[in-house]
């Protein structure tokens, strides 16, 4: 887990190209999604986190995005309603 505000732009680009970062998340809302998600692109830098894997996001208490990870979000909703 890496805060966007704590990494330089050039280093962020390198980590994304090297696939060290594959998902982004919103700290305040506890939601994670793909780096291409339009909802994620609109969030403030101070609220943005980056994850190395989906497991990393889930372990830190984040849920899937309802826009870019719709199927995973639906499974998550079903699992929380039991």
C-alpha atoms as a PDB file:
ATOM      1  CA  UNK A   1       0.000   0.000   0.000  1.00  0.00           C
ATOM      2  CA  UNK A   2       1.446   3.328  -1.092  1.00  0.00           C
ATOM      3  CA  UNK A   3      -0.025   6.819  -0.745  1.00  0.00           C
ATOM      4  CA  UNK A   4      -0.027   8.896  -3.928  1.00  0.00           C
ATOM      5  CA  UNK A   5       1.036  11.997  -2.001  1.00  0.00           C
ATOM      6  CA  UNK A   6       4.172  10.164  -0.786  1.00  0.00           C
ATOM      7  CA  UNK A   7       5.622   9.199  -4.191  1.00  0.00           C
ATOM      8  CA  UNK A   8       7.193  11.321  -6.903  1.00  0.00           C
ATOM      9  CA  UNK A   9       5.436  11.377 -10.281  1.00  0.00           C
ATOM     10  CA  UNK A  10       8.411   9.839 -12.119  1.00  0.00           C
ATOM     11  CA  UNK A  11       8.712   7.020  -9.596  1.00  0.00           C
ATOM     12  CA  UNK A  12       4.983   6.359  -9.854  1.00  0.00           C
ATOM     13  CA  UNK A  13       5.227   6.026 -13.643  1.00  0.00           C
ATOM     14  CA  UNK A  14       8.149   3.606 -13.296  1.00  0.00           C
ATOM     15  CA  UNK A  15       6.269   1.460 -10.769  1.00  0.00           C
ATOM     16  CA  UNK A  16       3.181   1.313 -12.996  1.00  0.00           C
ATOM     17  CA  UNK A  17       5.258   0.377 -16.067  1.00  0.00           C
ATOM     18  CA  UNK A  18       7.047  -2.332 -14.056  1.00  0.00           C
ATOM     19  CA  UNK A  19       3.641  -3.589 -12.852  1.00  0.00           C
ATOM     20  CA  UNK A  20       4.623  -2.990  -9.219  1.00  0.00           C
ATOM     21  CA  UNK A  21       1.377  -0.999  -8.931  1.00  0.00           C
ATOM     22  CA  UNK A  22      -1.747  -2.431 -10.530  1.00  0.00           C
ATOM     23  CA  UNK A  23      -4.701  -0.992  -8.580  1.00  0.00           C
ATOM     24  CA  UNK A  24      -5.675   2.321  -7.053  1.00  0.00           C
ATOM     25  CA  UNK A  25      -7.900   3.063  -4.105  1.00  0.00           C
ATOM     26  CA  UNK A  26      -9.642   5.815  -2.190  1.00  0.00           C
ATOM     27  CA  UNK A  27      -8.458   6.059   1.426  1.00  0.00           C
ATOM     28  CA  UNK A  28     -11.587   7.806   2.679  1.00  0.00           C
ATOM     29  CA  UNK A  29     -14.138   5.574   0.937  1.00  0.00           C
ATOM     30  CA  UNK A  30     -12.107   2.338   1.231  1.00  0.00           C
ATOM     31  CA  UNK A  31     -12.736   1.458  -2.440  1.00  0.00           C
ATOM     32  CA  UNK A  32     -10.171   0.016  -4.879  1.00  0.00           C
ATOM     33  CA  UNK A  33     -10.295  -0.263  -8.661  1.00  0.00           C
ATOM     34  CA  UNK A  34      -8.292  -0.337 -11.869  1.00  0.00           C
ATOM     35  CA  UNK A  35      -5.924   2.489 -12.739  1.00  0.00           C
ATOM     36  CA  UNK A  36      -8.049   3.253 -15.820  1.00  0.00           C
ATOM     37  CA  UNK A  37     -11.319   3.709 -13.865  1.00  0.00           C
ATOM     38  CA  UNK A  38     -12.942   7.088 -14.537  1.00  0.00           C
ATOM     39  CA  UNK A  39     -14.188   7.270 -10.947  1.00  0.00           C
ATOM     40  CA  UNK A  40     -10.687   6.699  -9.626  1.00  0.00           C
ATOM     41  CA  UNK A  41      -9.151   9.301 -11.900  1.00  0.00           C
ATOM     42  CA  UNK A  42     -11.413  11.983 -10.400  1.00  0.00           C
ATOM     43  CA  UNK A  43     -10.352  11.480  -6.777  1.00  0.00           C
ATOM     44  CA  UNK A  44      -8.071  13.895  -4.968  1.00  0.00           C
ATOM     45  CA  UNK A  45      -4.394  12.968  -4.744  1.00  0.00           C
ATOM     46  CA  UNK A  46      -4.440  13.076  -0.927  1.00  0.00           C
ATOM     47  CA  UNK A  47      -7.177  10.388  -0.938  1.00  0.00           C
ATOM     48  CA  UNK A  48      -5.482   8.064  -3.464  1.00  0.00           C
ATOM     49  CA  UNK A  49      -3.638   4.855  -2.568  1.00  0.00           C
ATOM     50  CA  UNK A  50      -1.912   2.318  -4.777  1.00  0.00           C
ATOM     51  CA  UNK A  51      -1.805  -1.439  -4.334  1.00  0.00           C
ATOM     52  CA  UNK A  52       0.445  -4.158  -5.686  1.00  0.00           C
ATOM     53  CA  UNK A  53      -2.389  -6.698  -5.858  1.00  0.00           C
ATOM     54  CA  UNK A  54      -6.054  -7.261  -5.168  1.00  0.00           C
ATOM     55  CA  UNK A  55      -5.139  -9.216  -2.038  1.00  0.00           C
ATOM     56  CA  UNK A  56      -3.208  -6.182  -0.786  1.00  0.00           C
ATOM     57  CA  UNK A  57      -6.326  -4.025  -1.152  1.00  0.00           C
ATOM     58  CA  UNK A  58      -8.633  -6.574   0.497  1.00  0.00           C
ATOM     59  CA  UNK A  59      -6.255  -7.158   3.418  1.00  0.00           C
ATOM     60  CA  UNK A  60      -6.284  -3.404   4.068  1.00  0.00           C
ATOM     61  CA  UNK A  61     -10.082  -3.352   4.232  1.00  0.00           C
ATOM     62  CA  UNK A  62     -10.901  -1.933   0.791  1.00  0.00           C
ATOM     63  CA  UNK A  63     -13.864  -3.110  -1.320  1.00  0.00           C
ATOM     64  CA  UNK A  64     -14.074  -3.453  -5.137  1.00  0.00           C
ATOM     65  CA  UNK A  65     -15.275  -0.497  -7.224  1.00  0.00           C
ATOM     66  CA  UNK A  66     -18.822  -0.807  -8.518  1.00  0.00           C
ATOM     67  CA  UNK A  67     -17.859   0.765 -11.868  1.00  0.00           C
ATOM     68  CA  UNK A  68     -14.679  -0.888 -13.101  1.00  0.00           C
ATOM     69  CA  UNK A  69     -14.873  -4.109 -11.049  1.00  0.00           C
ATOM     70  CA  UNK A  70     -18.627  -4.616 -11.231  1.00  0.00           C
ATOM     71  CA  UNK A  71     -18.643  -8.419 -11.016  1.00  0.00           C
ATOM     72  CA  UNK A  72     -16.279  -8.448  -8.037  1.00  0.00           C
ATOM     73  CA  UNK A  73     -18.345  -5.707  -6.405  1.00  0.00           C
ATOM     74  CA  UNK A  74     -21.524  -7.813  -6.802  1.00  0.00           C
ATOM     75  CA  UNK A  75     -19.780 -10.809  -5.205  1.00  0.00           C
ATOM     76  CA  UNK A  76     -18.539  -8.573  -2.389  1.00  0.00           C
ATOM     77  CA  UNK A  77     -22.066  -7.239  -1.771  1.00  0.00           C
ATOM     78  CA  UNK A  78     -23.467 -10.783  -1.626  1.00  0.00           C
ATOM     79  CA  UNK A  79     -20.751 -11.882   0.811  1.00  0.00           C
ATOM     80  CA  UNK A  80     -21.426  -8.957   3.176  1.00  0.00           C
ATOM     81  CA  UNK A  81     -25.186  -9.539   3.273  1.00  0.00           C
ATOM     82  CA  UNK A  82     -24.890 -13.060   4.685  1.00  0.00           C
END
